[in-house]
Amino acid sequence: MDHHRPLSAVDVLDRAAALYRANFALLFVLAFVSGAIYFVLQQLVWLASPIPAIPMPGTEPGLAAFGGVLASYAQSGSIGVVSWFLQLWSTAALVYAVSRRHVGLPVTFGEAIRNTLGRLPYLFVTQLVLTFFMMLTFVGLYAIAFAVGFSVVFGLGDGNAWAALGSAMGAAFGLALLLGGLVGILRFWVHSAAVIVEGLGIGDALARSRDLMRQVGKIPFGQRNDVRLTVVLTVVPLIGLAAASLVFLPMAASAIAAYVLHWVDFSNPEQLMQRVMAPVIAVQIAAGALLHPFSVAATVLFYYDLRYRTEGLDLEMRALRLRKPRAPRVARPVASAVPGPG
């Protein structure tokens, strides 16, 4: 089967799963290492300064009662920043490894880590741009939900026309934010491949992603880039949600048993963190590491699909595969100009 050809959304998901399965050990370790480092750091922080119990109202005056809790949240936030950086490096290494394996080139764990370190500053900024559009999408969703709820309570319930008008304007504003965020997400989604695979800078990588997603002319709805990418980005989280649900079923059963049989004192934050939250976080990290390579593989393959469709990259790759190396020339012995005896 020729993998270097334009792909449908289903083909992208199918090929991503096949590539992940063929390189499972490498891709899973690249995704798991960052989460494992974060888990170890988090456990060390908890051992060094356990989370204090939340005081009851009136036992201590003012914010002094929550000083320990706020300090604990600050520590967790600092670990979260480290986790985000490690996750970004893991993503960069996965993009590099998936790209190399897709084109048939060998790659090792150390090579993927080393060759992506210098690209992290660029990927950091482009990822922030994508994160901004994701936040814009969520703000739009919250604005729509709030406007609808406000309209039901004050507009329709009390018959207040101004409240109904304000709710309609709020819903329209939220819808505009939602659509703007979705457009930005789809336009800049393949920025990571532009940064890692092509080695582009911040502005060039974002422009490259935008240009690859752009389409001109009459194209069937099902073949549009934004439609196909929407299908990919919808299916991957659904698979992750199903996998996470299966993973957390034993954890939920264990937590219920611990509560019923009094294995854990749920009023004690330290015991709760050590015996309940730590295993939950470990399972969550493992589940995330299991899905992350598949998500990255789908993104990288979609990036190559865009190049196949717009630049004919698939034809170049086919030509390289069909080209056979020439046999080395062997110099023929030259006859001696000096006549022999006789």
C-alpha atoms as a PDB file:
ATOM      1  CA  MET A   1       0.000   0.000   0.000  1.00  0.00           C
ATOM      2  CA  ASP A   2       1.321   3.435  -0.969  1.00  0.00           C
ATOM      3  CA  HIS A   3       1.096   5.715   2.050  1.00  0.00           C
ATOM      4  CA  HIS A   4       2.378   8.753   0.156  1.00  0.00           C
ATOM      5  CA  ARG A   5      -0.862   9.871  -1.442  1.00  0.00           C
ATOM      6  CA  PRO A   6      -3.672  12.307  -0.619  1.00  0.00           C
ATOM      7  CA  LEU A   7      -5.636  11.025   2.365  1.00  0.00           C
ATOM      8  CA  SER A   8      -9.202  11.352   3.519  1.00  0.00           C
ATOM      9  CA  ALA A   9      -9.975  12.041   7.185  1.00  0.00           C
ATOM     10  CA  VAL A  10     -10.567   8.327   7.768  1.00  0.00           C
ATOM     11  CA  ASP A  11      -7.288   7.486   6.012  1.00  0.00           C
ATOM     12  CA  VAL A  12      -5.418   9.925   8.272  1.00  0.00           C
ATOM     13  CA  LEU A  13      -6.803   8.268  11.408  1.00  0.00           C
ATOM     14  CA  ASP A  14      -6.225   4.759  10.058  1.00  0.00           C
ATOM     15  CA  ARG A  15      -2.655   5.482   8.967  1.00  0.00           C
ATOM     16  CA  ALA A  16      -1.920   7.238  12.271  1.00  0.00           C
ATOM     17  CA  ALA A  17      -3.075   4.152  14.181  1.00  0.00           C
ATOM     18  CA  ALA A  18      -0.984   1.847  11.963  1.00  0.00           C
ATOM     19  CA  LEU A  19       2.120   4.007  12.337  1.00  0.00           C
ATOM     20  CA  TYR A  20       1.637   4.185  16.106  1.00  0.00           C
ATOM     21  CA  ARG A  21       1.217   0.426  16.321  1.00  0.00           C
ATOM     22  CA  ALA A  22       4.367  -0.207  14.260  1.00  0.00           C
ATOM     23  CA  ASN A  23       6.448   2.161  16.430  1.00  0.00           C
ATOM     24  CA  PHE A  24       4.616   1.808  19.735  1.00  0.00           C
ATOM     25  CA  ALA A  25       7.627   1.480  22.052  1.00  0.00           C
ATOM     26  CA  LEU A  26       9.423   4.553  20.712  1.00  0.00           C
ATOM     27  CA  LEU A  27       6.379   6.830  20.542  1.00  0.00           C
ATOM     28  CA  PHE A  28       4.910   5.783  23.873  1.00  0.00           C
ATOM     29  CA  VAL A  29       8.212   6.293  25.714  1.00  0.00           C
ATOM     30  CA  LEU A  30       8.607   9.755  24.150  1.00  0.00           C
ATOM     31  CA  ALA A  31       5.158  10.673  25.436  1.00  0.00           C
ATOM     32  CA  PHE A  32       5.457   8.942  28.818  1.00  0.00           C
ATOM     33  CA  VAL A  33       8.827  10.322  29.932  1.00  0.00           C
ATOM     34  CA  SER A  34       7.590  13.900  30.336  1.00  0.00           C
ATOM     35  CA  GLY A  35       4.620  12.776  32.427  1.00  0.00           C
ATOM     36  CA  ALA A  36       6.795  10.489  34.545  1.00  0.00           C
ATOM     37  CA  ILE A  37       9.212  13.339  35.345  1.00  0.00           C
ATOM     38  CA  TYR A  38       6.273  15.565  36.295  1.00  0.00           C
ATOM     39  CA  PHE A  39       4.816  12.853  38.547  1.00  0.00           C
ATOM     40  CA  VAL A  40       8.105  12.357  40.390  1.00  0.00           C
ATOM     41  CA  LEU A  41       8.533  16.117  40.893  1.00  0.00           C
ATOM     42  CA  GLN A  42       4.982  16.426  42.167  1.00  0.00           C
ATOM     43  CA  GLN A  43       5.420  13.598  44.668  1.00  0.00           C
ATOM     44  CA  LEU A  44       8.649  15.182  45.939  1.00  0.00           C
ATOM     45  CA  VAL A  45       6.864  18.499  46.450  1.00  0.00           C
ATOM     46  CA  TRP A  46       4.064  16.778  48.354  1.00  0.00           C
ATOM     47  CA  LEU A  47       6.564  14.940  50.558  1.00  0.00           C
ATOM     48  CA  ALA A  48       8.519  18.133  51.266  1.00  0.00           C
ATOM     49  CA  SER A  49       5.446  20.235  52.064  1.00  0.00           C
ATOM     50  CA  PRO A  50       2.204  18.283  52.430  1.00  0.00           C
ATOM     51  CA  ILE A  51      -1.020  20.059  51.579  1.00  0.00           C
ATOM     52  CA  PRO A  52      -2.418  21.572  54.792  1.00  0.00           C
ATOM     53  CA  ALA A  53      -5.968  21.006  55.937  1.00  0.00           C
ATOM     54  CA  ILE A  54      -8.440  23.706  54.920  1.00  0.00           C
ATOM     55  CA  PRO A  55      -9.452  25.564  58.101  1.00  0.00           C
ATOM     56  CA  MET A  56     -13.051  25.829  59.161  1.00  0.00           C
ATOM     57  CA  PRO A  57     -14.661  29.291  58.922  1.00  0.00           C
ATOM     58  CA  GLY A  58     -14.058  31.403  62.005  1.00  0.00           C
ATOM     59  CA  THR A  59     -11.197  29.375  63.406  1.00  0.00           C
ATOM     60  CA  GLU A  60      -8.499  31.789  62.155  1.00  0.00           C
ATOM     61  CA  PRO A  61      -8.831  35.456  61.231  1.00  0.00           C
ATOM     62  CA  GLY A  62      -8.750  36.698  57.657  1.00  0.00           C
ATOM     63  CA  LEU A  63      -6.582  35.332  54.869  1.00  0.00           C
ATOM     64  CA  ALA A  64      -4.021  34.038  57.352  1.00  0.00           C
ATOM     65  CA  ALA A  65      -6.129  30.916  57.651  1.00  0.00           C
ATOM     66  CA  PHE A  66      -5.559  30.108  54.005  1.00  0.00           C
ATOM     67  CA  GLY A  67      -1.869  31.023  53.829  1.00  0.00           C
ATOM     68  CA  GLY A  68      -0.718  27.420  53.758  1.00  0.00           C
ATOM     69  CA  VAL A  69      -3.314  26.475  51.178  1.00  0.00           C
ATOM     70  CA  LEU A  70      -2.319  29.366  48.895  1.00  0.00           C
ATOM     71  CA  ALA A  71       1.352  28.447  49.239  1.00  0.00           C
ATOM     72  CA  SER A  72       0.521  24.875  48.287  1.00  0.00           C
ATOM     73  CA  TYR A  73      -1.332  26.044  45.187  1.00  0.00           C
ATOM     74  CA  ALA A  74       1.665  28.196  44.245  1.00  0.00           C
ATOM     75  CA  GLN A  75       3.925  25.144  44.469  1.00  0.00           C
ATOM     76  CA  SER A  76       1.541  23.113  42.338  1.00  0.00           C
ATOM     77  CA  GLY A  77       1.424  25.946  39.794  1.00  0.00           C
ATOM     78  CA  SER A  78       5.222  26.014  39.491  1.00  0.00           C
ATOM     79  CA  ILE A  79       5.237  22.272  38.876  1.00  0.00           C
ATOM     80  CA  GLY A  80       2.518  22.832  36.277  1.00  0.00           C
ATOM     81  CA  VAL A  81       4.785  25.213  34.349  1.00  0.00           C
ATOM     82  CA  VAL A  82       7.525  22.577  34.333  1.00  0.00           C
ATOM     83  CA  SER A  83       4.977  20.026  33.169  1.00  0.00           C
ATOM     84  CA  TRP A  84       3.851  22.272  30.303  1.00  0.00           C
ATOM     85  CA  PHE A  85       7.453  22.695  29.113  1.00  0.00           C
ATOM     86  CA  LEU A  86       8.107  18.952  29.303  1.00  0.00           C
ATOM     87  CA  GLN A  87       4.881  18.258  27.427  1.00  0.00           C
ATOM     88  CA  LEU A  88       5.932  20.711  24.732  1.00  0.00           C
ATOM     89  CA  TRP A  89       9.306  18.997  24.362  1.00  0.00           C
ATOM     90  CA  SER A  90       7.569  15.628  24.214  1.00  0.00           C
ATOM     91  CA  THR A  91       5.290  16.921  21.456  1.00  0.00           C
ATOM     92  CA  ALA A  92       8.257  18.235  19.475  1.00  0.00           C
ATOM     93  CA  ALA A  93      10.078  14.901  19.767  1.00  0.00           C
ATOM     94  CA  LEU A  94       6.941  13.019  18.713  1.00  0.00           C
ATOM     95  CA  VAL A  95       6.468  15.246  15.658  1.00  0.00           C
ATOM     96  CA  TYR A  96      10.078  14.593  14.660  1.00  0.00           C
ATOM     97  CA  ALA A  97       9.852  10.832  15.224  1.00  0.00           C
ATOM     98  CA  VAL A  98       6.496  10.426  13.439  1.00  0.00           C
ATOM     99  CA  SER A  99       7.714  12.454  10.477  1.00  0.00           C
ATOM    100  CA  ARG A 100      10.888  10.393  10.153  1.00  0.00           C
ATOM    101  CA  ARG A 101       9.047   7.093  10.370  1.00  0.00           C
ATOM    102  CA  HIS A 102       6.362   8.219   7.917  1.00  0.00           C
ATOM    103  CA  VAL A 103       8.939   8.919   5.215  1.00  0.00           C
ATOM    104  CA  GLY A 104      10.732   5.643   5.967  1.00  0.00           C
ATOM    105  CA  LEU A 105      13.760   6.975   7.829  1.00  0.00           C
ATOM    106  CA  PRO A 106      15.141   5.507  11.068  1.00  0.00           C
ATOM    107  CA  VAL A 107      14.945   7.442  14.318  1.00  0.00           C
ATOM    108  CA  THR A 108      15.925   6.773  17.922  1.00  0.00           C
ATOM    109  CA  PHE A 109      14.758   8.185  21.231  1.00  0.00           C
ATOM    110  CA  GLY A 110      17.960  10.172  21.771  1.00  0.00           C
ATOM    111  CA  GLU A 111      17.921  11.540  18.242  1.00  0.00           C
ATOM    112  CA  ALA A 112      14.338  12.782  18.595  1.00  0.00           C
ATOM    113  CA  ILE A 113      15.160  14.481  21.907  1.00  0.00           C
ATOM    114  CA  ARG A 114      18.409  16.090  20.717  1.00  0.00           C
ATOM    115  CA  ASN A 115      17.164  17.353  17.364  1.00  0.00           C
ATOM    116  CA  THR A 116      14.146  19.145  18.819  1.00  0.00           C
ATOM    117  CA  LEU A 117      15.701  21.004  21.754  1.00  0.00           C
ATOM    118  CA  GLY A 118      16.731  23.970  19.612  1.00  0.00           C
ATOM    119  CA  ARG A 119      13.224  24.283  18.142  1.00  0.00           C
ATOM    120  CA  LEU A 120      11.442  24.629  21.505  1.00  0.00           C
ATOM    121  CA  PRO A 121      11.535  28.478  21.707  1.00  0.00           C
ATOM    122  CA  TYR A 122       9.770  28.736  18.341  1.00  0.00           C
ATOM    123  CA  LEU A 123       7.276  26.020  19.182  1.00  0.00           C
ATOM    124  CA  PHE A 124       6.626  27.669  22.548  1.00  0.00           C
ATOM    125  CA  VAL A 125       5.403  30.891  20.916  1.00  0.00           C
ATOM    126  CA  THR A 126       3.399  29.250  18.126  1.00  0.00           C
ATOM    127  CA  GLN A 127       1.728  26.989  20.701  1.00  0.00           C
ATOM    128  CA  LEU A 128       0.775  30.068  22.709  1.00  0.00           C
ATOM    129  CA  VAL A 129      -0.939  31.460  19.596  1.00  0.00           C
ATOM    130  CA  LEU A 130      -2.947  28.247  19.218  1.00  0.00           C
ATOM    131  CA  THR A 131      -3.731  28.248  22.946  1.00  0.00           C
ATOM    132  CA  PHE A 132      -5.094  31.790  22.616  1.00  0.00           C
ATOM    133  CA  PHE A 133      -7.610  30.663  20.001  1.00  0.00           C
ATOM    134  CA  MET A 134      -8.563  27.670  22.157  1.00  0.00           C
ATOM    135  CA  MET A 135      -9.239  29.987  25.084  1.00  0.00           C
ATOM    136  CA  LEU A 136     -11.240  32.249  22.769  1.00  0.00           C
ATOM    137  CA  THR A 137     -13.392  29.267  21.817  1.00  0.00           C
ATOM    138  CA  PHE A 138     -14.083  28.360  25.447  1.00  0.00           C
ATOM    139  CA  VAL A 139     -14.870  31.975  26.352  1.00  0.00           C
ATOM    140  CA  GLY A 140     -17.363  32.052  23.477  1.00  0.00           C
ATOM    141  CA  LEU A 141     -19.014  28.859  24.746  1.00  0.00           C
ATOM    142  CA  TYR A 142     -19.262  30.233  28.283  1.00  0.00           C
ATOM    143  CA  ALA A 143     -20.672  33.535  26.977  1.00  0.00           C
ATOM    144  CA  ILE A 144     -23.368  31.721  24.995  1.00  0.00           C
ATOM    145  CA  ALA A 145     -24.296  29.520  27.979  1.00  0.00           C
ATOM    146  CA  PHE A 146     -24.434  32.537  30.296  1.00  0.00           C
ATOM    147  CA  ALA A 147     -26.524  34.566  27.836  1.00  0.00           C
ATOM    148  CA  VAL A 148     -29.001  31.718  27.363  1.00  0.00           C
ATOM    149  CA  GLY A 149     -29.303  31.184  31.109  1.00  0.00           C
ATOM    150  CA  PHE A 150     -29.711  34.911  31.732  1.00  0.00           C
ATOM    151  CA  SER A 151     -32.395  35.103  29.066  1.00  0.00           C
ATOM    152  CA  VAL A 152     -34.341  32.194  30.551  1.00  0.00           C
ATOM    153  CA  VAL A 153     -34.216  33.590  34.102  1.00  0.00           C
ATOM    154  CA  PHE A 154     -34.706  37.319  33.519  1.00  0.00           C
ATOM    155  CA  GLY A 155     -35.917  37.705  29.953  1.00  0.00           C
ATOM    156  CA  LEU A 156     -38.478  34.982  29.434  1.00  0.00           C
ATOM    157  CA  GLY A 157     -39.315  34.394  33.084  1.00  0.00           C
ATOM    158  CA  ASP A 158     -39.982  38.026  34.029  1.00  0.00           C
ATOM    159  CA  GLY A 159     -40.967  39.207  30.568  1.00  0.00           C
ATOM    160  CA  ASN A 160     -38.200  41.850  30.575  1.00  0.00           C
ATOM    161  CA  ALA A 161     -37.594  42.922  26.975  1.00  0.00           C
ATOM    162  CA  TRP A 162     -34.283  44.642  27.791  1.00  0.00           C
ATOM    163  CA  ALA A 163     -32.986  41.509  29.482  1.00  0.00           C
ATOM    164  CA  ALA A 164     -33.993  39.440  26.453  1.00  0.00           C
ATOM    165  CA  LEU A 165     -32.264  41.916  24.116  1.00  0.00           C
ATOM    166  CA  GLY A 166     -29.106  41.917  26.236  1.00  0.00           C
ATOM    167  CA  SER A 167     -29.086  38.129  26.288  1.00  0.00           C
ATOM    168  CA  ALA A 168     -29.442  37.996  22.508  1.00  0.00           C
ATOM    169  CA  MET A 169     -26.536  40.427  22.091  1.00  0.00           C
ATOM    170  CA  GLY A 170     -24.451  38.389  24.559  1.00  0.00           C
ATOM    171  CA  ALA A 171     -25.231  35.174  22.686  1.00  0.00           C
ATOM    172  CA  ALA A 172     -24.271  36.821  19.379  1.00  0.00           C
ATOM    173  CA  PHE A 173     -21.001  38.067  20.907  1.00  0.00           C
ATOM    174  CA  GLY A 174     -20.258  34.608  22.290  1.00  0.00           C
ATOM    175  CA  LEU A 175     -21.012  33.024  18.922  1.00  0.00           C
ATOM    176  CA  ALA A 176     -18.603  35.439  17.220  1.00  0.00           C
ATOM    177  CA  LEU A 177     -15.861  34.528  19.709  1.00  0.00           C
ATOM    178  CA  LEU A 178     -16.592  30.836  19.251  1.00  0.00           C
ATOM    179  CA  LEU A 179     -16.420  30.968  15.458  1.00  0.00           C
ATOM    180  CA  GLY A 180     -13.304  33.166  15.514  1.00  0.00           C
ATOM    181  CA  GLY A 181     -11.574  30.759  17.878  1.00  0.00           C
ATOM    182  CA  LEU A 182     -12.488  27.738  15.763  1.00  0.00           C
ATOM    183  CA  VAL A 183     -11.220  29.417  12.591  1.00  0.00           C
ATOM    184  CA  GLY A 184      -7.921  30.211  14.302  1.00  0.00           C
ATOM    185  CA  ILE A 185      -7.560  26.655  15.619  1.00  0.00           C
ATOM    186  CA  LEU A 186      -8.127  25.124  12.195  1.00  0.00           C
ATOM    187  CA  ARG A 187      -5.881  27.636  10.449  1.00  0.00           C
ATOM    188  CA  PHE A 188      -2.853  27.230  12.713  1.00  0.00           C
ATOM    189  CA  TRP A 189      -3.221  23.609  13.830  1.00  0.00           C
ATOM    190  CA  VAL A 190      -0.263  22.203  11.836  1.00  0.00           C
ATOM    191  CA  HIS A 191       2.167  24.851  13.140  1.00  0.00           C
ATOM    192  CA  SER A 192       4.143  22.211  15.075  1.00  0.00           C
ATOM    193  CA  ALA A 193       5.014  20.318  11.894  1.00  0.00           C
ATOM    194  CA  ALA A 194       6.081  23.554  10.196  1.00  0.00           C
ATOM    195  CA  VAL A 195       8.384  24.341  13.129  1.00  0.00           C
ATOM    196  CA  ILE A 196       9.876  20.856  13.602  1.00  0.00           C
ATOM    197  CA  VAL A 197       9.806  19.289  10.137  1.00  0.00           C
ATOM    198  CA  GLU A 198      10.610  22.368   8.050  1.00  0.00           C
ATOM    199  CA  GLY A 199      12.582  24.258  10.707  1.00  0.00           C
ATOM    200  CA  LEU A 200      10.669  27.521  10.218  1.00  0.00           C
ATOM    201  CA  GLY A 201      10.565  30.471  12.584  1.00  0.00           C
ATOM    202  CA  ILE A 202       7.538  31.762  14.459  1.00  0.00           C
ATOM    203  CA  GLY A 203       5.932  33.986  11.823  1.00  0.00           C
ATOM    204  CA  ASP A 204       6.897  31.717   8.932  1.00  0.00           C
ATOM    205  CA  ALA A 205       5.513  28.639  10.673  1.00  0.00           C
ATOM    206  CA  LEU A 206       2.162  30.293  11.363  1.00  0.00           C
ATOM    207  CA  ALA A 207       1.994  31.631   7.799  1.00  0.00           C
ATOM    208  CA  ARG A 208       2.927  28.204   6.464  1.00  0.00           C
ATOM    209  CA  SER A 209       0.139  26.531   8.432  1.00  0.00           C
ATOM    210  CA  ARG A 210      -2.324  29.161   7.229  1.00  0.00           C
ATOM    211  CA  ASP A 211      -1.276  28.769   3.592  1.00  0.00           C
ATOM    212  CA  LEU A 212      -1.505  24.970   3.706  1.00  0.00           C
ATOM    213  CA  MET A 213      -5.037  25.161   5.096  1.00  0.00           C
ATOM    214  CA  ARG A 214      -6.161  27.759   2.565  1.00  0.00           C
ATOM    215  CA  GLN A 215      -8.249  26.544  -0.377  1.00  0.00           C
ATOM    216  CA  VAL A 216      -9.297  28.402  -3.506  1.00  0.00           C
ATOM    217  CA  GLY A 217     -12.008  27.351  -5.941  1.00  0.00           C
ATOM    218  CA  LYS A 218     -14.984  25.034  -5.810  1.00  0.00           C
ATOM    219  CA  ILE A 219     -14.156  22.014  -3.669  1.00  0.00           C
ATOM    220  CA  PRO A 220     -16.651  19.375  -2.503  1.00  0.00           C
ATOM    221  CA  PHE A 221     -17.704  19.996   1.085  1.00  0.00           C
ATOM    222  CA  GLY A 222     -16.402  16.665   2.333  1.00  0.00           C
ATOM    223  CA  GLN A 223     -12.961  17.282   0.795  1.00  0.00           C
ATOM    224  CA  ARG A 224     -12.417  20.731   2.266  1.00  0.00           C
ATOM    225  CA  ASN A 225      -9.390  21.001   4.526  1.00  0.00           C
ATOM    226  CA  ASP A 226     -11.314  22.556   7.395  1.00  0.00           C
ATOM    227  CA  VAL A 227     -13.994  19.861   7.242  1.00  0.00           C
ATOM    228  CA  ARG A 228     -11.498  16.991   7.150  1.00  0.00           C
ATOM    229  CA  LEU A 229      -9.430  18.474   9.975  1.00  0.00           C
ATOM    230  CA  THR A 230     -12.585  19.023  12.035  1.00  0.00           C
ATOM    231  CA  VAL A 231     -13.399  15.328  11.645  1.00  0.00           C
ATOM    232  CA  VAL A 232      -9.890  14.358  12.771  1.00  0.00           C
ATOM    233  CA  LEU A 233      -9.930  16.724  15.754  1.00  0.00           C
ATOM    234  CA  THR A 234     -13.357  15.453  16.776  1.00  0.00           C
ATOM    235  CA  VAL A 235     -12.615  11.736  16.574  1.00  0.00           C
ATOM    236  CA  VAL A 236      -9.287  11.826  18.455  1.00  0.00           C
ATOM    237  CA  PRO A 237     -10.707  13.307  21.712  1.00  0.00           C
ATOM    238  CA  LEU A 238     -13.662  10.909  21.540  1.00  0.00           C
ATOM    239  CA  ILE A 239     -11.259   7.978  21.365  1.00  0.00           C
ATOM    240  CA  GLY A 240      -9.327   9.461  24.269  1.00  0.00           C
ATOM    241  CA  LEU A 241     -12.502   9.939  26.298  1.00  0.00           C
ATOM    242  CA  ALA A 242     -13.526   6.328  25.724  1.00  0.00           C
ATOM    243  CA  ALA A 243     -10.052   5.070  26.642  1.00  0.00           C
ATOM    244  CA  ALA A 244      -9.905   7.267  29.757  1.00  0.00           C
ATOM    245  CA  SER A 245     -13.331   6.035  30.853  1.00  0.00           C
ATOM    246  CA  LEU A 246     -12.186   2.426  30.641  1.00  0.00           C
ATOM    247  CA  VAL A 247      -8.957   3.232  32.478  1.00  0.00           C
ATOM    248  CA  PHE A 248     -10.662   5.070  35.325  1.00  0.00           C
ATOM    249  CA  LEU A 249     -13.365   2.486  35.985  1.00  0.00           C
ATOM    250  CA  PRO A 250     -11.050   0.383  38.227  1.00  0.00           C
ATOM    251  CA  MET A 251      -9.887   3.579  39.954  1.00  0.00           C
ATOM    252  CA  ALA A 252     -13.463   4.643  40.659  1.00  0.00           C
ATOM    253  CA  ALA A 253     -14.304   1.193  42.013  1.00  0.00           C
ATOM    254  CA  SER A 254     -11.221   1.276  44.251  1.00  0.00           C
ATOM    255  CA  ALA A 255     -12.109   4.743  45.560  1.00  0.00           C
ATOM    256  CA  ILE A 256     -15.648   3.618  46.428  1.00  0.00           C
ATOM    257  CA  ALA A 257     -14.280   0.539  48.201  1.00  0.00           C
ATOM    258  CA  ALA A 258     -11.775   2.689  50.107  1.00  0.00           C
ATOM    259  CA  TYR A 259     -14.574   4.971  51.267  1.00  0.00           C
ATOM    260  CA  VAL A 260     -16.961   2.173  52.253  1.00  0.00           C
ATOM    261  CA  LEU A 261     -14.319   0.050  54.006  1.00  0.00           C
ATOM    262  CA  HIS A 262     -12.631   3.083  55.662  1.00  0.00           C
ATOM    263  CA  TRP A 263      -9.250   2.387  54.094  1.00  0.00           C
ATOM    264  CA  VAL A 264      -8.700   6.102  53.626  1.00  0.00           C
ATOM    265  CA  ASP A 265      -9.617   8.982  55.888  1.00  0.00           C
ATOM    266  CA  PHE A 266     -11.266  11.323  53.384  1.00  0.00           C
ATOM    267  CA  SER A 267     -11.214  14.174  55.897  1.00  0.00           C
ATOM    268  CA  ASN A 268      -7.403  14.063  55.997  1.00  0.00           C
ATOM    269  CA  PRO A 269      -5.920  15.931  52.967  1.00  0.00           C
ATOM    270  CA  GLU A 270      -2.460  14.386  53.365  1.00  0.00           C
ATOM    271  CA  GLN A 271      -3.773  10.833  53.403  1.00  0.00           C
ATOM    272  CA  LEU A 272      -6.154  11.617  50.576  1.00  0.00           C
ATOM    273  CA  MET A 273      -3.315  12.922  48.394  1.00  0.00           C
ATOM    274  CA  GLN A 274      -0.957  10.065  49.173  1.00  0.00           C
ATOM    275  CA  ARG A 275      -3.357   7.129  48.880  1.00  0.00           C
ATOM    276  CA  VAL A 276      -5.989   8.325  46.434  1.00  0.00           C
ATOM    277  CA  MET A 277      -4.827  11.278  44.374  1.00  0.00           C
ATOM    278  CA  ALA A 278      -1.321   9.979  43.632  1.00  0.00           C
ATOM    279  CA  PRO A 279      -2.562   6.756  41.959  1.00  0.00           C
ATOM    280  CA  VAL A 280      -5.235   8.701  40.089  1.00  0.00           C
ATOM    281  CA  ILE A 281      -2.649  11.136  38.745  1.00  0.00           C
ATOM    282  CA  ALA A 282      -0.348   8.244  37.766  1.00  0.00           C
ATOM    283  CA  VAL A 283      -3.146   6.543  35.825  1.00  0.00           C
ATOM    284  CA  GLN A 284      -4.089   9.867  34.229  1.00  0.00           C
ATOM    285  CA  ILE A 285      -0.497  10.439  33.072  1.00  0.00           C
ATOM    286  CA  ALA A 286      -0.262   6.926  31.641  1.00  0.00           C
ATOM    287  CA  ALA A 287      -3.600   7.322  29.822  1.00  0.00           C
ATOM    288  CA  GLY A 288      -2.511  10.683  28.398  1.00  0.00           C
ATOM    289  CA  ALA A 289       0.796   9.208  27.255  1.00  0.00           C
ATOM    290  CA  LEU A 290      -1.099   6.416  25.542  1.00  0.00           C
ATOM    291  CA  LEU A 291      -3.216   8.816  23.471  1.00  0.00           C
ATOM    292  CA  HIS A 292      -0.735  11.634  22.834  1.00  0.00           C
ATOM    293  CA  PRO A 293       1.304   9.868  20.107  1.00  0.00           C
ATOM    294  CA  PHE A 294      -1.868   9.025  18.196  1.00  0.00           C
ATOM    295  CA  SER A 295      -2.983  12.663  18.299  1.00  0.00           C
ATOM    296  CA  VAL A 296       0.428  13.893  17.141  1.00  0.00           C
ATOM    297  CA  ALA A 297       0.597  11.246  14.397  1.00  0.00           C
ATOM    298  CA  ALA A 298      -2.799  12.340  13.057  1.00  0.00           C
ATOM    299  CA  THR A 299      -1.631  15.972  12.986  1.00  0.00           C
ATOM    300  CA  VAL A 300       1.653  15.152  11.222  1.00  0.00           C
ATOM    301  CA  LEU A 301      -0.063  12.957   8.637  1.00  0.00           C
ATOM    302  CA  PHE A 302      -2.625  15.674   7.977  1.00  0.00           C
ATOM    303  CA  TYR A 303       0.277  18.101   7.440  1.00  0.00           C
ATOM    304  CA  TYR A 304       1.827  15.751   4.881  1.00  0.00           C
ATOM    305  CA  ASP A 305      -1.564  15.284   3.247  1.00  0.00           C
ATOM    306  CA  LEU A 306      -1.829  19.050   2.765  1.00  0.00           C
ATOM    307  CA  ARG A 307       1.594  19.072   1.108  1.00  0.00           C
ATOM    308  CA  TYR A 308       0.613  16.140  -1.088  1.00  0.00           C
ATOM    309  CA  ARG A 309      -2.446  18.034  -2.305  1.00  0.00           C
ATOM    310  CA  THR A 310      -0.853  21.458  -2.794  1.00  0.00           C
ATOM    311  CA  GLU A 311       2.787  20.754  -3.654  1.00  0.00           C
ATOM    312  CA  GLY A 312       2.850  17.278  -5.191  1.00  0.00           C
ATOM    313  CA  LEU A 313       5.117  16.018  -2.427  1.00  0.00           C
ATOM    314  CA  ASP A 314       3.639  12.539  -2.833  1.00  0.00           C
ATOM    315  CA  LEU A 315       4.943  12.399  -6.424  1.00  0.00           C
ATOM    316  CA  GLU A 316       8.435  13.339  -5.285  1.00  0.00           C
ATOM    317  CA  MET A 317       8.383  10.607  -2.629  1.00  0.00           C
ATOM    318  CA  ARG A 318       7.154   8.016  -5.103  1.00  0.00           C
ATOM    319  CA  ALA A 319       9.929   8.988  -7.499  1.00  0.00           C
ATOM    320  CA  LEU A 320      12.503   8.596  -4.727  1.00  0.00           C
ATOM    321  CA  ARG A 321      11.166   5.150  -3.862  1.00  0.00           C
ATOM    322  CA  LEU A 322      11.206   3.977  -7.469  1.00  0.00           C
ATOM    323  CA  ARG A 323      14.648   5.315  -8.189  1.00  0.00           C
ATOM    324  CA  LYS A 324      17.228   2.543  -8.041  1.00  0.00           C
ATOM    325  CA  PRO A 325      20.869   3.249  -7.293  1.00  0.00           C
ATOM    326  CA  ARG A 326      23.183   2.742 -10.222  1.00  0.00           C
ATOM    327  CA  ALA A 327      25.682  -0.068 -10.089  1.00  0.00           C
ATOM    328  CA  PRO A 328      29.157   1.283  -9.374  1.00  0.00           C
ATOM    329  CA  ARG A 329      31.330   1.600 -12.448  1.00  0.00           C
ATOM    330  CA  VAL A 330      34.330  -0.682 -12.666  1.00  0.00           C
ATOM    331  CA  ALA A 331      37.291   0.671 -14.574  1.00  0.00           C
ATOM    332  CA  ARG A 332      38.293  -1.572 -17.460  1.00  0.00           C
ATOM    333  CA  PRO A 333      41.955  -2.624 -17.636  1.00  0.00           C
ATOM    334  CA  VAL A 334      43.801  -0.610 -20.247  1.00  0.00           C
ATOM    335  CA  ALA A 335      45.893  -2.637 -22.680  1.00  0.00           C
ATOM    336  CA  SER A 336      49.593  -1.955 -22.363  1.00  0.00           C
ATOM    337  CA  ALA A 337      51.092   0.040 -25.229  1.00  0.00           C
ATOM    338  CA  VAL A 338      54.432  -1.719 -24.844  1.00  0.00           C
ATOM    339  CA  PRO A 339      54.503  -4.901 -26.904  1.00  0.00           C
ATOM    340  CA  GLY A 340      55.413  -8.045 -25.083  1.00  0.00           C
ATOM    341  CA  PRO A 341      58.394 -10.275 -25.947  1.00  0.00           C
ATOM    342  CA  GLY A 342      58.178 -12.130 -29.208  1.00  0.00           C
END
